[in-house]
Amino acid sequence: MESDIEGVPYDRDTRSLVYERAKDTHREQPFGTELDVYGPGYEWFEQSLAPKPAAAEHRVRIGGPACKQPYDMSLFNVSAMSFGTLSSNAIRALNKGAALGGFAHDTGEGGLTDYHLEAGGDLVWEIGSGYFGCRTAEGRFDPDTFAAKAAHPNVKCISIKLSQGAKPGPSGVMPGAKVTNEIAEIRGVPVGEKCVSPPAHSTFSTPLELIGFVDQLRELSSGKPVGFKLCVGKRSDFLAICKAMLELDTAPDFIIVDGSEGGTGAAPLEFEDHVGTPLTDGLIFVHNALVGVGLRDQIKIGCSGKIASGFSLVSRLAQGADCTNAARAMMFAVGCIQAQRCQTNTCPVGVATQDPRRARALDVGDKSQRVHHFHSNTVTSANELIAAMGLTDTGQLGPELLKRRIDSNTVKNYAQLYPYLESGQLLTEPPENWLADWNTASSKSFGP
């Protein structure tokens, strides 16, 4: 059975679902649901008596008015995982799977490597605060190196990492045991020493400068889609970015919302458990903020955080996303058994290690097929759900279609649970529960 209820961790049943779909074995389950359908938190969609034929594919065009090379993205893609965190064979398998299935593979902040490029899969190149792969000797952003690498035809989008759900605040950490000569050369850091990305970017420090950096990367990449990823923190900070977009009359092509329930191989426990906004709250807030300032039509929203099934994918689309990403589920597809030894460099299945002997345990040919199958079967499931609701397009999905049980006698849909704003509402008459954050937000600074 699938465990899609928000807040439930990846358990054995969810891993089994991924493994089965990755192996392209049977999709059906016997004897009906084993979920507590009358317990708080149970979610569902209502089917139509006039279902439609399932679409072969839905794709999302990424690219706003300033974009010269828009990209048609799958509904389901590989979320950010760096080479270094993952082995070379894991990266190869993920990218080859993306090439086979026609979906995107986010590089993570560890740099754009030959392992990302050799199979020809579409890439989202993530640029973190360490600027790995496009940094000067002093660790600052190098525009010339960036422009040269961004010109590669496999690079379809550029994503600026502001924060990630698994560890919002301290940014990325790679244990010293995994910083090999190769990793050190790719990232431009000392061999054998813990590699820590700075908590904040050195290229910008205000919302106006962030949006200016987006424009700079778009120009340096000859008009490829540029956006940013964040785990929502202070609401006023994101609203400040929205004000900067309005003031500069330019915007990112996409924003990826990372939920605080996202996974990691190395982070402080307190940050994993108690910092950052969970995906549902963060996603709906970002969607509402962009609607409220009249920019939602220009900016696509991606999201990530425990998305592993067709239901979880479609749920996020109904809440406000345009497309979704998965990291841990994709790791399961390449063979992760959740041994939770990622930070020790002793992964027993060759997924999260830089030990060449251990990495050889991962068969790229076999696991790339499994990534392909997992993606295909998950998207097929999502398309069948959409069709079962009598819909023909993802744009017809809305929060009123997703039901949630509050208690044994109370059911609400997400439009009732989370009031959604009207277009331009923040500019004319902000709701009372938005007013303080909206008034605090300034395009000239991020709040304390």
Protein backbone atom coordinates (compact mmCIF):
# COMPACT_ATOMS: atom_id res chain seq x y z
CA MET A 1 0.00 0.00 0.00
CA GLU A 2 1.08 3.60 -0.54
CA SER A 3 1.71 5.87 2.42
CA ASP A 4 0.87 9.29 0.99
CA ILE A 5 -0.64 10.98 4.02
CA GLU A 6 1.32 14.11 4.78
CA GLY A 7 3.77 13.73 7.63
CA VAL A 8 4.10 9.95 7.34
CA PRO A 9 7.77 9.06 6.72
CA TYR A 10 8.96 6.80 3.94
CA ASP A 11 8.10 3.43 5.41
CA ARG A 12 8.61 -0.10 4.11
CA ASP A 13 5.37 -0.01 2.10
CA THR A 14 6.32 3.21 0.28
CA ARG A 15 9.77 1.85 -0.53
CA SER A 16 8.11 -1.33 -1.81
CA LEU A 17 5.89 0.76 -4.08
CA VAL A 18 8.94 2.50 -5.56
CA TYR A 19 10.84 -0.77 -5.95
CA GLU A 20 7.91 -2.42 -7.73
CA ARG A 21 7.38 0.46 -10.12
CA ALA A 22 11.11 0.74 -10.75
CA LYS A 23 11.20 -2.96 -11.66
CA ASP A 24 8.11 -2.45 -13.84
CA THR A 25 6.26 -5.23 -12.06
CA HIS A 26 2.53 -5.30 -11.24
CA ARG A 27 0.91 -2.06 -10.13
CA GLU A 28 -2.25 -3.50 -8.58
CA GLN A 29 -2.77 -4.22 -4.89
CA PRO A 30 -5.10 -6.92 -3.51
CA PHE A 31 -7.85 -6.63 -0.87
CA GLY A 32 -8.35 -2.83 -0.96
CA THR A 33 -6.93 -0.01 1.13
CA GLU A 34 -5.37 -0.63 4.52
CA LEU A 35 -5.33 3.07 5.38
CA ASP A 36 -7.55 4.42 8.15
CA VAL A 37 -9.99 6.30 5.93
CA TYR A 38 -11.80 7.71 8.98
CA GLY A 39 -8.66 8.86 10.75
CA PRO A 40 -7.49 12.51 10.77
CA GLY A 41 -5.23 13.31 7.85
CA TYR A 42 -6.67 10.88 5.30
CA GLU A 43 -6.79 12.53 1.86
CA TRP A 44 -8.52 11.66 -1.40
CA PHE A 45 -9.85 12.89 -4.72
CA GLU A 46 -13.44 12.39 -5.88
CA GLN A 47 -13.77 10.59 -9.20
CA SER A 48 -16.18 11.63 -11.95
CA LEU A 49 -18.96 9.58 -13.52
CA ALA A 50 -17.68 10.98 -16.82
CA PRO A 51 -13.98 10.04 -16.72
CA LYS A 52 -11.74 10.97 -19.62
CA PRO A 53 -9.12 8.91 -21.45
CA ALA A 54 -5.78 9.27 -19.70
CA ALA A 55 -3.36 11.59 -21.47
CA ALA A 56 -0.15 10.10 -22.79
CA GLU A 57 1.79 13.00 -21.31
CA HIS A 58 1.39 16.40 -19.72
CA ARG A 59 4.33 18.80 -19.90
CA VAL A 60 4.95 22.23 -18.40
CA ARG A 61 6.58 25.05 -20.37
CA ILE A 62 9.24 26.77 -18.26
CA GLY A 63 10.10 30.25 -19.49
CA GLY A 64 8.72 33.71 -18.82
CA PRO A 65 8.75 36.83 -20.98
CA ALA A 66 12.55 37.31 -20.74
CA CYS A 67 13.39 33.68 -21.55
CA LYS A 68 14.69 32.92 -25.04
CA GLN A 69 15.08 29.15 -24.68
CA PRO A 70 11.99 27.80 -22.86
CA TYR A 71 11.97 24.20 -21.70
CA ASP A 72 9.03 21.78 -21.67
CA MET A 73 9.39 19.96 -18.36
CA SER A 74 7.88 16.68 -17.19
CA LEU A 75 5.44 16.65 -14.28
CA PHE A 76 7.95 14.52 -12.33
CA ASN A 77 11.72 15.00 -12.25
CA VAL A 78 14.88 14.15 -10.32
CA SER A 79 15.39 16.55 -7.43
CA ALA A 80 18.74 18.06 -6.44
CA MET A 81 21.39 15.51 -5.42
CA SER A 82 25.06 16.31 -5.97
CA PHE A 83 27.90 14.20 -7.24
CA GLY A 84 29.88 13.73 -4.07
CA THR A 85 26.81 13.10 -2.02
CA LEU A 86 25.96 10.40 -4.56
CA SER A 87 28.45 8.15 -6.32
CA SER A 88 29.47 8.57 -9.96
CA ASN A 89 27.44 5.48 -10.89
CA ALA A 90 24.35 6.80 -9.10
CA ILE A 91 24.60 10.07 -11.04
CA ARG A 92 25.13 8.16 -14.28
CA ALA A 93 22.08 5.99 -13.64
CA LEU A 94 19.85 8.92 -12.74
CA ASN A 95 20.88 10.88 -15.81
CA LYS A 96 20.60 7.95 -18.19
CA GLY A 97 17.16 7.23 -16.74
CA ALA A 98 16.20 10.87 -17.34
CA ALA A 99 17.45 10.59 -20.93
CA LEU A 100 15.42 7.42 -21.49
CA GLY A 101 12.25 8.93 -20.03
CA GLY A 102 12.53 12.52 -21.22
CA PHE A 103 12.52 14.19 -17.82
CA ALA A 104 14.89 16.57 -16.03
CA HIS A 105 17.74 15.80 -13.64
CA ASP A 106 18.77 18.48 -11.11
CA THR A 107 22.53 18.41 -10.54
CA GLY A 108 22.44 19.54 -6.94
CA GLU A 109 24.83 22.26 -5.80
CA GLY A 110 27.98 20.10 -6.13
CA GLY A 111 28.73 21.18 -9.69
CA LEU A 112 28.16 20.15 -13.28
CA THR A 113 30.31 17.08 -13.95
CA ASP A 114 31.07 14.69 -16.81
CA TYR A 115 28.91 12.11 -15.02
CA HIS A 116 25.90 14.42 -15.51
CA LEU A 117 26.68 14.93 -19.18
CA GLU A 118 27.73 11.59 -20.65
CA ALA A 119 24.24 10.05 -21.04
CA GLY A 120 22.62 13.14 -22.54
CA GLY A 121 19.79 13.61 -20.05
CA ASP A 122 18.20 17.05 -19.59
CA LEU A 123 19.75 18.97 -16.70
CA VAL A 124 18.77 21.66 -14.25
CA TRP A 125 22.12 23.09 -13.14
CA GLU A 126 21.86 24.15 -9.50
CA ILE A 127 24.09 27.01 -8.32
CA GLY A 128 24.54 27.10 -4.55
CA SER A 129 26.28 29.58 -2.29
CA GLY A 130 29.59 27.76 -2.80
CA TYR A 131 29.36 28.31 -6.58
CA PHE A 132 30.90 24.88 -7.13
CA GLY A 133 31.89 24.46 -10.74
CA CYS A 134 31.71 28.19 -11.46
CA ARG A 135 33.74 29.79 -8.69
CA THR A 136 36.93 31.76 -8.41
CA ALA A 137 39.87 30.65 -6.26
CA GLU A 138 38.41 32.85 -3.51
CA GLY A 139 35.06 31.09 -3.70
CA ARG A 140 33.09 33.81 -5.46
CA PHE A 141 30.94 33.49 -8.56
CA ASP A 142 32.88 33.34 -11.84
CA PRO A 143 30.66 34.59 -14.71
CA ASP A 144 32.99 33.45 -17.50
CA THR A 145 33.21 29.86 -16.25
CA PHE A 146 29.47 29.82 -15.68
CA ALA A 147 28.70 31.07 -19.19
CA ALA A 148 30.95 28.46 -20.80
CA LYS A 149 29.31 25.57 -18.93
CA ALA A 150 25.75 26.90 -19.18
CA ALA A 151 26.09 26.86 -22.96
CA HIS A 152 26.12 23.04 -22.97
CA PRO A 153 22.98 21.82 -24.79
CA ASN A 154 22.13 19.36 -22.00
CA VAL A 155 21.73 22.27 -19.55
CA LYS A 156 18.08 23.26 -19.94
CA CYS A 157 17.53 25.40 -16.81
CA ILE A 158 19.56 27.17 -14.11
CA SER A 159 18.43 27.06 -10.46
CA ILE A 160 19.85 29.28 -7.71
CA LYS A 161 19.73 27.44 -4.40
CA LEU A 162 18.73 29.80 -1.59
CA SER A 163 17.96 27.06 0.92
CA GLN A 164 16.86 23.43 1.06
CA GLY A 165 14.22 21.74 3.10
CA ALA A 166 16.42 19.15 4.77
CA LYS A 167 18.73 21.75 6.30
CA PRO A 168 17.45 25.32 5.87
CA GLY A 169 20.00 27.71 7.33
CA PRO A 170 23.32 25.83 7.48
CA SER A 171 23.26 24.99 3.74
CA GLY A 172 25.10 22.01 2.26
CA VAL A 173 27.60 19.81 4.09
CA MET A 174 29.82 17.07 2.68
CA PRO A 175 31.78 15.03 5.23
CA GLY A 176 35.56 15.15 4.76
CA ALA A 177 35.73 11.38 4.20
CA LYS A 178 33.85 11.87 0.92
CA VAL A 179 35.98 14.78 -0.37
CA THR A 180 38.25 12.81 -2.71
CA ASN A 181 40.82 14.26 -5.09
CA GLU A 182 38.19 14.21 -7.82
CA ILE A 183 35.56 15.95 -5.69
CA ALA A 184 38.08 18.53 -4.53
CA GLU A 185 39.07 19.32 -8.12
CA ILE A 186 35.45 19.61 -9.29
CA ARG A 187 34.42 21.81 -6.38
CA GLY A 188 37.65 23.73 -5.88
CA VAL A 189 38.05 22.80 -2.20
CA PRO A 190 40.76 21.05 -0.08
CA VAL A 191 41.00 17.25 -0.24
CA GLY A 192 39.74 15.35 2.81
CA GLU A 193 38.25 18.37 4.58
CA LYS A 194 34.55 18.83 5.35
CA CYS A 195 33.03 20.87 2.53
CA VAL A 196 30.51 23.39 3.85
CA SER A 197 28.65 25.78 1.61
CA PRO A 198 28.30 29.27 3.11
CA PRO A 199 24.87 29.88 4.65
CA ALA A 200 24.29 32.85 2.33
CA HIS A 201 25.36 33.88 -1.16
CA SER A 202 28.18 36.38 -1.60
CA THR A 203 26.89 37.61 -4.98
CA PHE A 204 23.74 39.20 -3.54
CA SER A 205 22.43 40.21 -0.12
CA THR A 206 19.09 41.91 -0.88
CA PRO A 207 15.94 40.92 -2.77
CA LEU A 208 16.75 43.45 -5.51
CA GLU A 209 20.24 41.98 -5.92
CA LEU A 210 18.82 38.43 -6.03
CA ILE A 211 16.48 39.31 -8.90
CA GLY A 212 19.37 41.12 -10.57
CA PHE A 213 21.43 37.92 -10.28
CA VAL A 214 18.60 35.97 -11.91
CA ASP A 215 18.72 38.38 -14.84
CA GLN A 216 22.52 38.12 -15.01
CA LEU A 217 22.42 34.31 -15.19
CA ARG A 218 19.70 34.41 -17.82
CA GLU A 219 21.84 36.74 -19.95
CA LEU A 220 25.02 34.70 -19.40
CA SER A 221 23.18 31.51 -20.42
CA SER A 222 21.82 33.09 -23.62
CA GLY A 223 18.27 33.22 -22.35
CA LYS A 224 17.81 29.81 -20.71
CA PRO A 225 15.18 29.59 -17.94
CA VAL A 226 16.54 30.75 -14.57
CA GLY A 227 14.86 30.39 -11.19
CA PHE A 228 15.58 29.69 -7.58
CA LYS A 229 14.89 27.05 -4.95
CA LEU A 230 14.04 27.70 -1.32
CA CYS A 231 12.48 26.22 1.76
CA VAL A 232 10.06 28.90 2.92
CA GLY A 233 11.12 30.63 6.12
CA LYS A 234 10.01 34.13 7.04
CA ARG A 235 7.02 35.02 4.93
CA SER A 236 8.13 38.64 4.75
CA ASP A 237 11.40 37.55 3.08
CA PHE A 238 9.57 35.95 0.18
CA LEU A 239 7.18 38.87 -0.10
CA ALA A 240 10.23 41.13 -0.24
CA ILE A 241 11.41 39.14 -3.28
CA CYS A 242 7.98 39.63 -4.86
CA LYS A 243 8.27 43.38 -4.29
CA ALA A 244 11.72 43.33 -5.93
CA MET A 245 10.23 41.58 -8.98
CA LEU A 246 7.59 44.31 -9.27
CA GLU A 247 10.08 47.12 -8.78
CA LEU A 248 12.52 45.77 -11.39
CA ASP A 249 9.75 44.60 -13.72
CA THR A 250 11.43 41.23 -14.17
CA ALA A 251 11.02 37.81 -12.57
CA PRO A 252 12.50 34.32 -12.42
CA ASP A 253 11.12 31.78 -14.86
CA PHE A 254 10.44 29.28 -12.06
CA ILE A 255 10.56 28.83 -8.30
CA ILE A 256 11.10 25.46 -6.61
CA VAL A 257 9.54 25.12 -3.16
CA ASP A 258 11.37 22.59 -1.00
CA GLY A 259 9.45 21.21 1.97
CA SER A 260 11.13 20.92 5.36
CA GLU A 261 10.36 17.19 5.26
CA GLY A 262 12.93 16.79 2.48
CA GLY A 263 15.75 14.32 2.95
CA THR A 264 19.51 14.58 3.33
CA GLY A 265 22.56 12.49 4.00
CA ALA A 266 24.11 14.88 6.53
CA ALA A 267 22.48 17.63 8.59
CA PRO A 268 21.99 18.61 12.26
CA LEU A 269 19.01 16.80 13.75
CA GLU A 270 17.42 20.02 15.00
CA PHE A 271 17.42 21.50 11.50
CA GLU A 272 16.01 18.32 9.99
CA ASP A 273 13.15 18.23 12.48
CA HIS A 274 12.37 21.78 13.59
CA VAL A 275 13.41 24.42 11.05
CA GLY A 276 11.69 25.44 7.83
CA THR A 277 8.13 25.29 6.51
CA PRO A 278 6.57 21.94 5.50
CA LEU A 279 5.78 21.59 1.83
CA THR A 280 1.99 22.03 1.97
CA ASP A 281 2.22 25.32 3.84
CA GLY A 282 5.20 26.58 1.85
CA LEU A 283 3.79 25.63 -1.55
CA ILE A 284 0.37 27.18 -0.94
CA PHE A 285 1.96 30.34 0.47
CA VAL A 286 4.28 30.81 -2.53
CA HIS A 287 1.43 30.16 -4.96
CA ASN A 288 -0.78 32.67 -3.13
CA ALA A 289 1.98 35.29 -2.92
CA LEU A 290 2.61 35.16 -6.67
CA VAL A 291 -1.12 35.30 -7.39
CA GLY A 292 -1.48 38.17 -4.93
CA VAL A 293 1.11 40.30 -6.74
CA GLY A 294 -0.18 39.37 -10.20
CA LEU A 295 2.89 37.37 -11.29
CA ARG A 296 1.67 33.78 -11.08
CA ASP A 297 1.09 33.49 -14.84
CA GLN A 298 4.74 34.39 -15.54
CA ILE A 299 6.37 32.03 -13.03
CA LYS A 300 6.09 28.25 -12.87
CA ILE A 301 6.26 26.54 -9.48
CA GLY A 302 8.04 23.24 -8.87
CA CYS A 303 8.08 21.48 -5.53
CA SER A 304 9.82 18.67 -3.68
CA GLY A 305 9.36 16.84 -0.40
CA LYS A 306 8.38 13.16 -0.08
CA ILE A 307 6.73 12.85 -3.48
CA ALA A 308 6.76 9.17 -4.41
CA SER A 309 3.45 8.29 -6.07
CA GLY A 310 0.89 9.47 -8.56
CA PHE A 311 -1.39 10.60 -5.75
CA SER A 312 1.27 12.68 -4.02
CA LEU A 313 2.20 14.21 -7.39
CA VAL A 314 -1.36 15.19 -8.30
CA SER A 315 -2.02 16.44 -4.76
CA ARG A 316 0.80 18.96 -5.13
CA LEU A 317 -0.51 20.09 -8.50
CA ALA A 318 -3.93 20.65 -6.93
CA GLN A 319 -2.38 22.69 -4.13
CA GLY A 320 -0.62 25.04 -6.53
CA ALA A 321 2.44 23.46 -8.15
CA ASP A 322 3.04 23.08 -11.88
CA CYS A 323 5.53 20.20 -11.63
CA THR A 324 7.26 18.09 -8.99
CA ASN A 325 10.67 16.66 -8.09
CA ALA A 326 11.75 13.64 -6.06
CA ALA A 327 15.10 12.80 -4.47
CA ARG A 328 14.73 9.90 -2.04
CA ALA A 329 12.23 8.06 -4.22
CA MET A 330 14.69 8.31 -7.11
CA MET A 331 17.42 7.01 -4.78
CA PHE A 332 15.23 4.00 -4.01
CA ALA A 333 14.86 3.48 -7.76
CA VAL A 334 18.65 3.22 -8.15
CA GLY A 335 18.87 0.77 -5.27
CA CYS A 336 18.99 2.72 -1.98
CA ILE A 337 17.90 0.49 0.91
CA GLN A 338 17.81 3.37 3.42
CA ALA A 339 20.75 1.99 5.39
CA GLN A 340 21.24 5.56 6.73
CA ARG A 341 25.02 5.40 6.44
CA CYS A 342 25.24 8.18 3.83
CA GLN A 343 27.59 10.34 5.90
CA THR A 344 30.03 7.48 6.59
CA ASN A 345 31.07 6.77 2.97
CA THR A 346 30.15 3.11 3.55
CA CYS A 347 26.89 2.85 1.61
CA PRO A 348 26.43 -0.91 1.08
CA VAL A 349 24.74 -0.57 -2.32
CA GLY A 350 26.98 2.03 -3.97
CA VAL A 351 24.48 4.91 -4.02
CA ALA A 352 25.86 7.39 -1.47
CA THR A 353 29.59 6.73 -1.41
CA GLN A 354 32.85 7.85 -2.98
CA ASP A 355 34.51 4.48 -2.36
CA PRO A 356 35.15 3.12 -5.90
CA ARG A 357 34.76 -0.50 -4.76
CA ARG A 358 31.38 0.19 -3.20
CA ALA A 359 30.23 2.34 -6.14
CA ARG A 360 30.80 -0.62 -8.48
CA ALA A 361 27.89 -2.39 -6.75
CA LEU A 362 25.53 -0.09 -8.66
CA ASP A 363 24.93 -1.36 -12.19
CA VAL A 364 24.30 1.75 -14.31
CA GLY A 365 22.53 -0.09 -17.13
CA ASP A 366 20.10 -1.87 -14.84
CA LYS A 367 19.43 1.04 -12.48
CA SER A 368 18.93 3.58 -15.27
CA GLN A 369 16.14 1.36 -16.59
CA ARG A 370 14.63 1.28 -13.12
CA VAL A 371 14.71 5.10 -12.86
CA HIS A 372 13.01 5.25 -16.25
CA HIS A 373 10.34 2.72 -15.24
CA PHE A 374 9.68 4.39 -11.88
CA HIS A 375 9.19 7.76 -13.54
CA SER A 376 7.00 6.34 -16.30
CA ASN A 377 4.77 4.33 -13.97
CA THR A 378 4.39 7.22 -11.52
CA VAL A 379 3.45 9.71 -14.23
CA THR A 380 1.06 7.16 -15.76
CA SER A 381 -0.61 6.80 -12.36
CA ALA A 382 -0.88 10.59 -12.07
CA ASN A 383 -2.37 10.90 -15.55
CA GLU A 384 -4.93 8.19 -14.76
CA LEU A 385 -5.96 10.01 -11.58
CA ILE A 386 -6.43 13.26 -13.49
CA ALA A 387 -8.52 11.48 -16.12
CA ALA A 388 -10.60 9.68 -13.47
CA MET A 389 -11.64 13.10 -12.13
CA GLY A 390 -13.02 13.94 -15.56
CA LEU A 391 -10.20 16.35 -16.36
CA THR A 392 -8.12 16.64 -19.50
CA ASP A 393 -5.44 19.08 -18.37
CA THR A 394 -3.41 19.74 -15.23
CA GLY A 395 -4.54 23.36 -15.33
CA GLN A 396 -8.02 22.19 -14.35
CA LEU A 397 -6.75 20.92 -11.01
CA GLY A 398 -7.53 23.08 -7.99
CA PRO A 399 -7.50 22.91 -4.18
CA GLU A 400 -11.25 22.33 -4.02
CA LEU A 401 -10.72 18.88 -5.55
CA LEU A 402 -8.45 17.57 -2.79
CA LYS A 403 -10.31 16.38 0.30
CA ARG A 404 -8.86 15.95 3.80
CA ARG A 405 -10.47 14.35 6.84
CA ILE A 406 -10.16 16.59 9.89
CA ASP A 407 -11.85 14.21 12.31
CA SER A 408 -14.29 11.31 12.05
CA ASN A 409 -17.19 13.68 11.27
CA THR A 410 -15.49 16.55 9.43
CA VAL A 411 -14.13 16.71 5.89
CA LYS A 412 -12.81 19.83 4.19
CA ASN A 413 -11.21 20.53 0.87
CA TYR A 414 -8.00 22.49 0.56
CA ALA A 415 -9.75 25.64 -0.67
CA GLN A 416 -11.56 25.64 2.68
CA LEU A 417 -8.47 24.77 4.71
CA TYR A 418 -6.25 27.37 3.02
CA PRO A 419 -7.96 30.49 1.66
CA TYR A 420 -6.56 31.26 -1.80
CA LEU A 421 -5.95 34.87 -2.90
CA GLU A 422 -7.34 36.63 -5.95
CA SER A 423 -5.02 37.97 -8.64
CA GLY A 424 -3.44 41.25 -7.52
CA GLN A 425 -5.11 41.15 -4.10
CA LEU A 426 -1.92 41.98 -2.18
CA LEU A 427 -1.52 45.14 -4.24
CA THR A 428 -5.02 46.43 -3.53
CA GLU A 429 -6.39 45.02 -0.28
CA PRO A 430 -4.15 42.51 1.53
CA PRO A 431 -6.08 40.14 3.82
CA GLU A 432 -5.61 40.82 7.49
CA ASN A 433 -3.49 37.71 8.04
CA TRP A 434 -1.09 38.87 5.28
CA LEU A 435 -0.95 42.54 6.21
CA ALA A 436 1.86 42.52 8.79
CA ASP A 437 4.21 40.45 6.59
CA TRP A 438 3.36 42.50 3.50
CA ASN A 439 4.03 45.79 5.28
CA THR A 440 7.29 44.47 6.78
CA ALA A 441 8.62 43.24 3.44
CA SER A 442 11.14 45.51 1.70
CA SER A 443 12.79 44.96 -1.67
CA LYS A 444 15.95 46.50 -0.22
CA SER A 445 16.63 43.97 2.53
CA PHE A 446 15.86 40.56 3.95
CA GLY A 447 14.48 40.72 7.45
CA PRO A 448 16.47 39.87 10.58
